[in-house]
Protein backbone atom coordinates (compact mmCIF):
# COMPACT_ATOMS: atom_id res chain seq x y z
CA MET A 1 -53.60 18.89 12.97
CA GLN A 2 -56.66 20.91 12.09
CA ARG A 3 -59.24 21.75 14.67
CA PRO A 4 -61.51 24.75 14.52
CA HIS A 5 -60.45 27.63 16.72
CA GLN A 6 -63.19 28.62 19.13
CA PRO A 7 -63.61 32.37 19.70
CA GLY A 8 -62.27 33.36 23.10
CA SER A 9 -60.20 30.18 23.52
CA ALA A 10 -56.43 30.06 23.90
CA TRP A 11 -54.28 29.63 20.79
CA TRP A 12 -51.46 27.11 21.37
CA GLY A 13 -48.19 27.19 19.46
CA LEU A 14 -45.33 24.70 19.47
CA ARG A 15 -41.82 25.83 18.52
CA PHE A 16 -38.86 23.59 17.75
CA PRO A 17 -35.52 25.39 17.51
CA GLY A 18 -32.41 23.99 15.87
CA GLY A 19 -29.44 22.69 17.81
CA GLY A 20 -28.37 19.33 16.47
CA ILE A 21 -29.14 15.78 17.51
CA ARG A 22 -29.20 16.51 21.25
CA LEU A 23 -31.96 19.07 20.87
CA ALA A 24 -33.82 16.79 18.42
CA ALA A 25 -33.79 14.06 21.09
CA PHE A 26 -34.99 16.59 23.69
CA ASN A 27 -37.76 17.74 21.33
CA LEU A 28 -38.84 14.13 20.87
CA GLY A 29 -39.14 13.79 24.65
CA VAL A 30 -41.21 16.99 24.77
CA LEU A 31 -43.55 15.57 22.10
CA GLN A 32 -43.90 12.31 24.00
CA ALA A 33 -44.79 14.13 27.22
CA LEU A 34 -47.27 16.45 25.48
CA SER A 35 -48.91 13.44 23.86
CA LYS A 36 -48.99 11.42 27.08
CA TYR A 37 -50.81 14.17 28.94
CA GLY A 38 -53.22 14.98 26.08
CA ILE A 39 -51.74 18.42 25.44
CA LEU A 40 -50.43 17.75 21.92
CA ARG A 41 -53.97 17.63 20.53
CA LEU A 42 -54.49 21.25 21.70
CA VAL A 43 -51.67 22.63 19.52
CA ASP A 44 -52.89 24.99 16.78
CA ASP A 45 -49.58 26.09 15.25
CA LEU A 46 -46.18 24.50 14.62
CA SER A 47 -43.03 26.48 13.89
CA THR A 48 -39.53 25.10 13.34
CA ILE A 49 -36.11 26.41 12.46
CA SER A 50 -32.94 24.69 11.33
CA GLY A 51 -32.60 21.22 12.92
CA GLY A 52 -36.00 21.55 14.59
CA GLY A 53 -37.46 21.08 11.11
CA PHE A 54 -36.63 17.38 11.23
CA ILE A 55 -38.81 16.65 14.26
CA GLY A 56 -41.46 19.11 13.05
CA ALA A 57 -41.62 17.47 9.61
CA CYS A 58 -41.90 14.04 11.22
CA LEU A 59 -44.71 15.25 13.50
CA SER A 60 -46.58 16.83 10.58
CA CYS A 61 -46.23 13.67 8.52
CA LEU A 62 -47.49 11.46 11.34
CA LEU A 63 -50.44 13.70 12.22
CA ASN A 64 -51.53 14.01 8.59
CA SER A 65 -51.27 10.31 7.80
CA PRO A 66 -54.57 8.51 7.12
CA ASP A 67 -53.67 5.93 9.79
CA HIS A 68 -53.35 8.53 12.56
CA ALA A 69 -56.03 8.29 15.22
CA PRO A 70 -56.18 11.44 17.42
């Protein structure tokens, strides 16, 4: 998930809080919607805490895999 930041452009951050399996499922839905509408590719920063780390780690792994096509 590395794209050069353009001076003067917005900096997008994505935050995944903890909260158990229900919030992990909600976070997955958020990721699917952001991807569907082409917004996920704009994200510059990812931050997670507690249970949000599971979905964040999965996202990082998928986006940094050699098979990932943006």
